[in-house]
Structures are given as C-alpha cells and as structure tokens.
Amino acid sequence: MIRFAVFIFFFIHLAILLKARHLRWLGHLTGWGTCALFIGLYVFQVEENSDLVFLIMATLTGLSMLAAEFVAAALKKPENSS
C-alpha cells in the first residue's frame, strides 16, 4: 500500500506544480517530508526486517518528487507568450 502512496506523490506534486504554483511549498513538504520519514525509519532501525524497504521507499519518493519537477518544467507554458 505504501508503494502506491509513493507512486501517487508524483501525480499530486505534478498537479500542484502545474495548476497551483502558489501551493508548491505544500507539495515539497509532503513529498520531501515523506522521504525524510523513510530515511529516519531506516537510520533509527525501527523495524529490523524492513530496513531495505525503508531505504528503497525513501529513494523512490525522492525520485518521484524530482521527476515531477522535471515534467512540470517541461510542460509549463511560457508566461510571456503573445
């Protein structure tokens, strides 16, 4: 289930970047906050058997946030068009 949530972060952050640029901070807070949470769970070894999963989820969350930034930059319309 958490893998699905990480996948959804990409689309949520992309929608925020494309449609509501003034809420960009909210997308960063949720995405990078989740990435930091997974890193914290890995570092503090909350559950011994899930260390690798936490590390993978942190990586995927970070990559999905970066991918959304790149896709939004590519799809963003120029503001000074005539």
PDB file of N, CA and C in Angstrom:
ATOM      1  N   MET A   1       0.822  -1.201   0.000  1.00  0.00           N
ATOM      2  CA  MET A   1       0.000   0.000   0.000  1.00  0.00           C
ATOM      3  C   MET A   1       0.862   1.259   0.000  1.00  0.00           C
ATOM      4  N   ILE A   2       1.958   1.223   0.738  1.00  0.00           N
ATOM      5  CA  ILE A   2       2.804   2.415   0.803  1.00  0.00           C
ATOM      6  C   ILE A   2       3.479   2.676  -0.546  1.00  0.00           C
ATOM      7  N   ARG A   3       3.734   1.631  -1.328  1.00  0.00           N
ATOM      8  CA  ARG A   3       4.308   1.833  -2.662  1.00  0.00           C
ATOM      9  C   ARG A   3       3.339   2.595  -3.553  1.00  0.00           C
ATOM     10  N   PHE A   4       2.060   2.319  -3.407  1.00  0.00           N
ATOM     11  CA  PHE A   4       1.047   3.041  -4.166  1.00  0.00           C
ATOM     12  C   PHE A   4       1.026   4.510  -3.762  1.00  0.00           C
ATOM     13  N   ALA A   5       1.167   4.784  -2.477  1.00  0.00           N
ATOM     14  CA  ALA A   5       1.185   6.172  -1.993  1.00  0.00           C
ATOM     15  C   ALA A   5       2.387   6.921  -2.551  1.00  0.00           C
ATOM     16  N   VAL A   6       3.531   6.272  -2.619  1.00  0.00           N
ATOM     17  CA  VAL A   6       4.723   6.903  -3.186  1.00  0.00           C
ATOM     18  C   VAL A   6       4.506   7.196  -4.664  1.00  0.00           C
ATOM     19  N   PHE A   7       3.847   6.294  -5.375  1.00  0.00           N
ATOM     20  CA  PHE A   7       3.538   6.497  -6.788  1.00  0.00           C
ATOM     21  C   PHE A   7       2.578   7.671  -6.964  1.00  0.00           C
ATOM     22  N   ILE A   8       1.624   7.797  -6.063  1.00  0.00           N
ATOM     23  CA  ILE A   8       0.642   8.880  -6.122  1.00  0.00           C
ATOM     24  C   ILE A   8       1.296  10.237  -5.846  1.00  0.00           C
ATOM     25  N   PHE A   9       2.361  10.285  -5.032  1.00  0.00           N
ATOM     26  CA  PHE A   9       3.049  11.544  -4.756  1.00  0.00           C
ATOM     27  C   PHE A   9       3.496  12.226  -6.034  1.00  0.00           C
ATOM     28  N   PHE A  10       3.924  11.442  -7.009  1.00  0.00           N
ATOM     29  CA  PHE A  10       4.352  12.021  -8.284  1.00  0.00           C
ATOM     30  C   PHE A  10       3.214  12.821  -8.909  1.00  0.00           C
ATOM     31  N   PHE A  11       2.040  12.218  -8.995  1.00  0.00           N
ATOM     32  CA  PHE A  11       0.912  12.877  -9.645  1.00  0.00           C
ATOM     33  C   PHE A  11       0.372  14.040  -8.825  1.00  0.00           C
ATOM     34  N   ILE A  12       0.358  13.916  -7.523  1.00  0.00           N
ATOM     35  CA  ILE A  12      -0.098  15.017  -6.671  1.00  0.00           C
ATOM     36  C   ILE A  12       0.839  16.212  -6.815  1.00  0.00           C
ATOM     37  N   HIS A  13       2.128  15.957  -6.718  1.00  0.00           N
ATOM     38  CA  HIS A  13       3.091  17.048  -6.816  1.00  0.00           C
ATOM     39  C   HIS A  13       3.069  17.656  -8.220  1.00  0.00           C
ATOM     40  N   LEU A  14       2.923  16.828  -9.237  1.00  0.00           N
ATOM     41  CA  LEU A  14       2.847  17.340 -10.604  1.00  0.00           C
ATOM     42  C   LEU A  14       1.615  18.223 -10.785  1.00  0.00           C
ATOM     43  N   ALA A  15       0.483  17.801 -10.261  1.00  0.00           N
ATOM     44  CA  ALA A  15      -0.737  18.606 -10.360  1.00  0.00           C
ATOM     45  C   ALA A  15      -0.576  19.935  -9.632  1.00  0.00           C
ATOM     46  N   ILE A  16       0.056  19.909  -8.475  1.00  0.00           N
ATOM     47  CA  ILE A  16       0.292  21.153  -7.727  1.00  0.00           C
ATOM     48  C   ILE A  16       1.199  22.077  -8.532  1.00  0.00           C
ATOM     49  N   LEU A  17       2.251  21.531  -9.102  1.00  0.00           N
ATOM     50  CA  LEU A  17       3.190  22.360  -9.858  1.00  0.00           C
ATOM     51  C   LEU A  17       2.558  22.941 -11.124  1.00  0.00           C
ATOM     52  N   LEU A  18       1.655  22.202 -11.751  1.00  0.00           N
ATOM     53  CA  LEU A  18       1.060  22.683 -12.993  1.00  0.00           C
ATOM     54  C   LEU A  18      -0.144  23.588 -12.774  1.00  0.00           C
ATOM     55  N   LYS A  19      -0.944  23.319 -11.772  1.00  0.00           N
ATOM     56  CA  LYS A  19      -2.213  24.041 -11.602  1.00  0.00           C
ATOM     57  C   LYS A  19      -2.227  25.031 -10.441  1.00  0.00           C
ATOM     58  N   ALA A  20      -1.439  24.803  -9.420  1.00  0.00           N
ATOM     59  CA  ALA A  20      -1.473  25.681  -8.236  1.00  0.00           C
ATOM     60  C   ALA A  20      -0.051  25.963  -7.769  1.00  0.00           C
ATOM     61  N   ARG A  21       0.668  26.760  -8.545  1.00  0.00           N
ATOM     62  CA  ARG A  21       2.072  27.045  -8.217  1.00  0.00           C
ATOM     63  C   ARG A  21       2.239  27.694  -6.850  1.00  0.00           C
ATOM     64  N   HIS A  22       1.214  28.392  -6.375  1.00  0.00           N
ATOM     65  CA  HIS A  22       1.321  29.047  -5.075  1.00  0.00           C
ATOM     66  C   HIS A  22       1.297  28.037  -3.928  1.00  0.00           C
ATOM     67  N   LEU A  23       0.903  26.803  -4.199  1.00  0.00           N
ATOM     68  CA  LEU A  23       0.918  25.743  -3.176  1.00  0.00           C
ATOM     69  C   LEU A  23       2.105  24.790  -3.353  1.00  0.00           C
ATOM     70  N   ARG A  24       3.095  25.247  -4.082  1.00  0.00           N
ATOM     71  CA  ARG A  24       4.282  24.429  -4.336  1.00  0.00           C
ATOM     72  C   ARG A  24       4.950  23.982  -3.042  1.00  0.00           C
ATOM     73  N   TRP A  25       4.948  24.841  -2.052  1.00  0.00           N
ATOM     74  CA  TRP A  25       5.561  24.509  -0.769  1.00  0.00           C
ATOM     75  C   TRP A  25       4.865  23.306  -0.128  1.00  0.00           C
ATOM     76  N   LEU A  26       3.562  23.165  -0.330  1.00  0.00           N
ATOM     77  CA  LEU A  26       2.828  22.039   0.232  1.00  0.00           C
ATOM     78  C   LEU A  26       3.265  20.725  -0.410  1.00  0.00           C
ATOM     79  N   GLY A  27       3.469  20.738  -1.705  1.00  0.00           N
ATOM     80  CA  GLY A  27       3.973  19.548  -2.395  1.00  0.00           C
ATOM     81  C   GLY A  27       5.355  19.163  -1.918  1.00  0.00           C
ATOM     82  N   HIS A  28       6.213  20.163  -1.732  1.00  0.00           N
ATOM     83  CA  HIS A  28       7.561  19.885  -1.224  1.00  0.00           C
ATOM     84  C   HIS A  28       7.509  19.350   0.206  1.00  0.00           C
ATOM     85  N   LEU A  29       6.654  19.918   1.002  1.00  0.00           N
ATOM     86  CA  LEU A  29       6.545  19.485   2.397  1.00  0.00           C
ATOM     87  C   LEU A  29       6.083  18.036   2.502  1.00  0.00           C
ATOM     88  N   THR A  30       5.067  17.672   1.751  1.00  0.00           N
ATOM     89  CA  THR A  30       4.561  16.300   1.831  1.00  0.00           C
ATOM     90  C   THR A  30       5.536  15.303   1.213  1.00  0.00           C
ATOM     91  N   GLY A  31       6.082  15.617   0.059  1.00  0.00           N
ATOM     92  CA  GLY A  31       6.983  14.688  -0.626  1.00  0.00           C
ATOM     93  C   GLY A  31       8.313  14.507   0.068  1.00  0.00           C
ATOM     94  N   TRP A  32       8.991  15.626   0.313  1.00  0.00           N
ATOM     95  CA  TRP A  32      10.306  15.518   0.968  1.00  0.00           C
ATOM     96  C   TRP A  32      10.166  15.133   2.433  1.00  0.00           C
ATOM     97  N   GLY A  33       9.041  15.483   3.044  1.00  0.00           N
ATOM     98  CA  GLY A  33       8.791  15.039   4.418  1.00  0.00           C
ATOM     99  C   GLY A  33       8.629  13.535   4.502  1.00  0.00           C
ATOM    100  N   THR A  34       7.945  12.970   3.533  1.00  0.00           N
ATOM    101  CA  THR A  34       7.801  11.509   3.492  1.00  0.00           C
ATOM    102  C   THR A  34       9.142  10.841   3.218  1.00  0.00           C
ATOM    103  N   CYS A  35       9.926  11.411   2.349  1.00  0.00           N
ATOM    104  CA  CYS A  35      11.266  10.888   2.080  1.00  0.00           C
ATOM    105  C   CYS A  35      12.106  10.920   3.357  1.00  0.00           C
ATOM    106  N   ALA A  36      12.048  12.019   4.088  1.00  0.00           N
ATOM    107  CA  ALA A  36      12.791  12.140   5.349  1.00  0.00           C
ATOM    108  C   ALA A  36      12.280  11.148   6.390  1.00  0.00           C
ATOM    109  N   LEU A  37      10.979  10.902   6.401  1.00  0.00           N
ATOM    110  CA  LEU A  37      10.412   9.922   7.327  1.00  0.00           C
ATOM    111  C   LEU A  37      10.975   8.536   7.058  1.00  0.00           C
ATOM    112  N   PHE A  38      11.021   8.134   5.785  1.00  0.00           N
ATOM    113  CA  PHE A  38      11.567   6.824   5.447  1.00  0.00           C
ATOM    114  C   PHE A  38      13.052   6.735   5.783  1.00  0.00           C
ATOM    115  N   ILE A  39      13.790   7.806   5.544  1.00  0.00           N
ATOM    116  CA  ILE A  39      15.205   7.811   5.904  1.00  0.00           C
ATOM    117  C   ILE A  39      15.362   7.694   7.415  1.00  0.00           C
ATOM    118  N   GLY A  40      14.519   8.404   8.165  1.00  0.00           N
ATOM    119  CA  GLY A  40      14.557   8.303   9.630  1.00  0.00           C
ATOM    120  C   GLY A  40      14.228   6.903  10.114  1.00  0.00           C
ATOM    121  N   LEU A  41      13.235   6.280   9.488  1.00  0.00           N
ATOM    122  CA  LEU A  41      12.898   4.908   9.869  1.00  0.00           C
ATOM    123  C   LEU A  41      14.054   3.952   9.571  1.00  0.00           C
ATOM    124  N   TYR A  42      14.773   4.221   8.494  1.00  0.00           N
ATOM    125  CA  TYR A  42      15.934   3.393   8.160  1.00  0.00           C
ATOM    126  C   TYR A  42      17.082   3.631   9.142  1.00  0.00           C
ATOM    127  N   VAL A  43      17.377   4.888   9.411  1.00  0.00           N
ATOM    128  CA  VAL A  43      18.514   5.230  10.271  1.00  0.00           C
ATOM    129  C   VAL A  43      18.299   4.738  11.707  1.00  0.00           C
ATOM    130  N   PHE A  44      17.090   4.929  12.216  1.00  0.00           N
ATOM    131  CA  PHE A  44      16.826   4.545  13.606  1.00  0.00           C
ATOM    132  C   PHE A  44      16.403   3.088  13.753  1.00  0.00           C
ATOM    133  N   GLN A  45      16.399   2.348  12.669  1.00  0.00           N
ATOM    134  CA  GLN A  45      16.102   0.920  12.651  1.00  0.00           C
ATOM    135  C   GLN A  45      14.878   0.576  13.495  1.00  0.00           C
ATOM    136  N   VAL A  46      13.767   1.186  13.106  1.00  0.00           N
ATOM    137  CA  VAL A  46      12.507   0.988  13.812  1.00  0.00           C
ATOM    138  C   VAL A  46      12.078  -0.475  13.735  1.00  0.00           C
ATOM    139  N   GLU A  47      12.207  -1.048  12.560  1.00  0.00           N
ATOM    140  CA  GLU A  47      11.875  -2.457  12.393  1.00  0.00           C
ATOM    141  C   GLU A  47      13.022  -3.114  11.634  1.00  0.00           C
ATOM    142  N   GLU A  48      13.635  -4.104  12.219  1.00  0.00           N
ATOM    143  CA  GLU A  48      14.845  -4.696  11.663  1.00  0.00           C
ATOM    144  C   GLU A  48      14.626  -5.334  10.295  1.00  0.00           C
ATOM    145  N   ASN A  49      13.507  -5.965  10.093  1.00  0.00           N
ATOM    146  CA  ASN A  49      13.270  -6.689   8.852  1.00  0.00           C
ATOM    147  C   ASN A  49      12.882  -5.786   7.687  1.00  0.00           C
ATOM    148  N   SER A  50      12.620  -4.523   7.925  1.00  0.00           N
ATOM    149  CA  SER A  50      12.154  -3.617   6.868  1.00  0.00           C
ATOM    150  C   SER A  50      13.164  -2.539   6.512  1.00  0.00           C
ATOM    151  N   ASP A  51      14.401  -2.659   6.947  1.00  0.00           N
ATOM    152  CA  ASP A  51      15.390  -1.617   6.675  1.00  0.00           C
ATOM    153  C   ASP A  51      15.573  -1.362   5.190  1.00  0.00           C
ATOM    154  N   LEU A  52      15.702  -2.403   4.415  1.00  0.00           N
ATOM    155  CA  LEU A  52      15.904  -2.244   2.984  1.00  0.00           C
ATOM    156  C   LEU A  52      14.667  -1.628   2.319  1.00  0.00           C
ATOM    157  N   VAL A  53      13.503  -2.008   2.770  1.00  0.00           N
ATOM    158  CA  VAL A  53      12.260  -1.452   2.219  1.00  0.00           C
ATOM    159  C   VAL A  53      12.183   0.049   2.492  1.00  0.00           C
ATOM    160  N   PHE A  54      12.533   0.485   3.701  1.00  0.00           N
ATOM    161  CA  PHE A  54      12.520   1.914   4.031  1.00  0.00           C
ATOM    162  C   PHE A  54      13.499   2.681   3.146  1.00  0.00           C
ATOM    163  N   LEU A  55      14.657   2.111   2.910  1.00  0.00           N
ATOM    164  CA  LEU A  55      15.650   2.770   2.062  1.00  0.00           C
ATOM    165  C   LEU A  55      15.153   2.872   0.623  1.00  0.00           C
ATOM    166  N   ILE A  56      14.545   1.825   0.122  1.00  0.00           N
ATOM    167  CA  ILE A  56      14.002   1.835  -1.237  1.00  0.00           C
ATOM    168  C   ILE A  56      12.857   2.844  -1.352  1.00  0.00           C
ATOM    169  N   MET A  57      11.981   2.886  -0.361  1.00  0.00           N
ATOM    170  CA  MET A  57      10.851   3.823  -0.402  1.00  0.00           C
ATOM    171  C   MET A  57      11.331   5.266  -0.336  1.00  0.00           C
ATOM    172  N   ALA A  58      12.362   5.541   0.461  1.00  0.00           N
ATOM    173  CA  ALA A  58      12.921   6.893   0.520  1.00  0.00           C
ATOM    174  C   ALA A  58      13.482   7.290  -0.834  1.00  0.00           C
ATOM    175  N   THR A  59      14.174   6.373  -1.476  1.00  0.00           N
ATOM    176  CA  THR A  59      14.743   6.643  -2.794  1.00  0.00           C
ATOM    177  C   THR A  59      13.643   6.882  -3.828  1.00  0.00           C
ATOM    178  N   LEU A  60      12.630   6.035  -3.824  1.00  0.00           N
ATOM    179  CA  LEU A  60      11.536   6.196  -4.780  1.00  0.00           C
ATOM    180  C   LEU A  60      10.753   7.486  -4.558  1.00  0.00           C
ATOM    181  N   THR A  61      10.560   7.861  -3.302  1.00  0.00           N
ATOM    182  CA  THR A  61       9.857   9.114  -3.020  1.00  0.00           C
ATOM    183  C   THR A  61      10.660  10.305  -3.528  1.00  0.00           C
ATOM    184  N   GLY A  62      11.952  10.310  -3.261  1.00  0.00           N
ATOM    185  CA  GLY A  62      12.808  11.391  -3.753  1.00  0.00           C
ATOM    186  C   GLY A  62      12.839  11.462  -5.266  1.00  0.00           C
ATOM    187  N   LEU A  63      12.944  10.299  -5.911  1.00  0.00           N
ATOM    188  CA  LEU A  63      12.948  10.270  -7.375  1.00  0.00           C
ATOM    189  C   LEU A  63      11.620  10.732  -7.963  1.00  0.00           C
ATOM    190  N   SER A  64      10.518  10.362  -7.321  1.00  0.00           N
ATOM    191  CA  SER A  64       9.222  10.798  -7.846  1.00  0.00           C
ATOM    192  C   SER A  64       9.052  12.304  -7.705  1.00  0.00           C
ATOM    193  N   MET A  65       9.570  12.871  -6.635  1.00  0.00           N
ATOM    194  CA  MET A  65       9.492  14.325  -6.471  1.00  0.00           C
ATOM    195  C   MET A  65      10.345  15.032  -7.525  1.00  0.00           C
ATOM    196  N   LEU A  66      11.553  14.530  -7.765  1.00  0.00           N
ATOM    197  CA  LEU A  66      12.407  15.134  -8.782  1.00  0.00           C
ATOM    198  C   LEU A  66      11.807  14.970 -10.177  1.00  0.00           C
ATOM    199  N   ALA A  67      11.237  13.810 -10.448  1.00  0.00           N
ATOM    200  CA  ALA A  67      10.615  13.574 -11.748  1.00  0.00           C
ATOM    201  C   ALA A  67       9.440  14.527 -11.974  1.00  0.00           C
ATOM    202  N   ALA A  68       8.659  14.764 -10.938  1.00  0.00           N
ATOM    203  CA  ALA A  68       7.532  15.697 -11.072  1.00  0.00           C
ATOM    204  C   ALA A  68       8.033  17.108 -11.363  1.00  0.00           C
ATOM    205  N   GLU A  69       9.129  17.503 -10.744  1.00  0.00           N
ATOM    206  CA  GLU A  69       9.706  18.820 -11.015  1.00  0.00           C
ATOM    207  C   GLU A  69      10.144  18.934 -12.475  1.00  0.00           C
ATOM    208  N   PHE A  70      10.805  17.894 -12.996  1.00  0.00           N
ATOM    209  CA  PHE A  70      11.271  17.925 -14.378  1.00  0.00           C
ATOM    210  C   PHE A  70      10.110  17.901 -15.370  1.00  0.00           C
ATOM    211  N   VAL A  71       9.107  17.080 -15.110  1.00  0.00           N
ATOM    212  CA  VAL A  71       7.955  17.008 -16.008  1.00  0.00           C
ATOM    213  C   VAL A  71       7.189  18.326 -15.998  1.00  0.00           C
ATOM    214  N   ALA A  72       7.029  18.925 -14.820  1.00  0.00           N
ATOM    215  CA  ALA A  72       6.322  20.205 -14.726  1.00  0.00           C
ATOM    216  C   ALA A  72       7.086  21.301 -15.472  1.00  0.00           C
ATOM    217  N   ALA A  73       8.415  21.278 -15.381  1.00  0.00           N
ATOM    218  CA  ALA A  73       9.213  22.283 -16.107  1.00  0.00           C
ATOM    219  C   ALA A  73       9.063  22.092 -17.604  1.00  0.00           C
ATOM    220  N   ALA A  74       8.974  20.847 -18.061  1.00  0.00           N
ATOM    221  CA  ALA A  74       8.832  20.583 -19.483  1.00  0.00           C
ATOM    222  C   ALA A  74       7.433  20.947 -19.997  1.00  0.00           C
ATOM    223  N   LEU A  75       6.423  20.775 -19.163  1.00  0.00           N
ATOM    224  CA  LEU A  75       5.044  21.037 -19.585  1.00  0.00           C
ATOM    225  C   LEU A  75       4.573  22.458 -19.309  1.00  0.00           C
ATOM    226  N   LYS A  76       5.333  23.211 -18.529  1.00  0.00           N
ATOM    227  CA  LYS A  76       4.926  24.565 -18.165  1.00  0.00           C
ATOM    228  C   LYS A  76       4.910  25.463 -19.385  1.00  0.00           C
ATOM    229  N   LYS A  77       3.823  26.199 -19.523  1.00  0.00           N
ATOM    230  CA  LYS A  77       3.682  27.129 -20.637  1.00  0.00           C
ATOM    231  C   LYS A  77       4.450  28.394 -20.342  1.00  0.00           C
ATOM    232  N   PRO A  78       5.059  28.971 -21.353  1.00  0.00           N
ATOM    233  CA  PRO A  78       5.746  30.255 -21.132  1.00  0.00           C
ATOM    234  C   PRO A  78       4.728  31.328 -20.751  1.00  0.00           C
ATOM    235  N   GLU A  79       5.072  32.124 -19.736  1.00  0.00           N
ATOM    236  CA  GLU A  79       4.139  33.144 -19.233  1.00  0.00           C
ATOM    237  C   GLU A  79       4.133  34.396 -20.094  1.00  0.00           C
ATOM    238  N   ASN A  80       5.153  34.607 -20.879  1.00  0.00           N
ATOM    239  CA  ASN A  80       5.249  35.820 -21.683  1.00  0.00           C
ATOM    240  C   ASN A  80       4.855  35.583 -23.133  1.00  0.00           C
ATOM    241  N   SER A  81       3.935  34.687 -23.376  1.00  0.00           N
ATOM    242  CA  SER A  81       3.512  34.436 -24.761  1.00  0.00           C
ATOM    243  C   SER A  81       2.549  35.525 -25.238  1.00  0.00           C
ATOM    244  N   SER A  82       2.638  35.881 -26.514  1.00  0.00           N
ATOM    245  CA  SER A  82       1.801  36.963 -27.056  1.00  0.00           C
ATOM    246  C   SER A  82       0.551  36.407 -27.671  1.00  0.00           C
TER     247      SER A  82
END
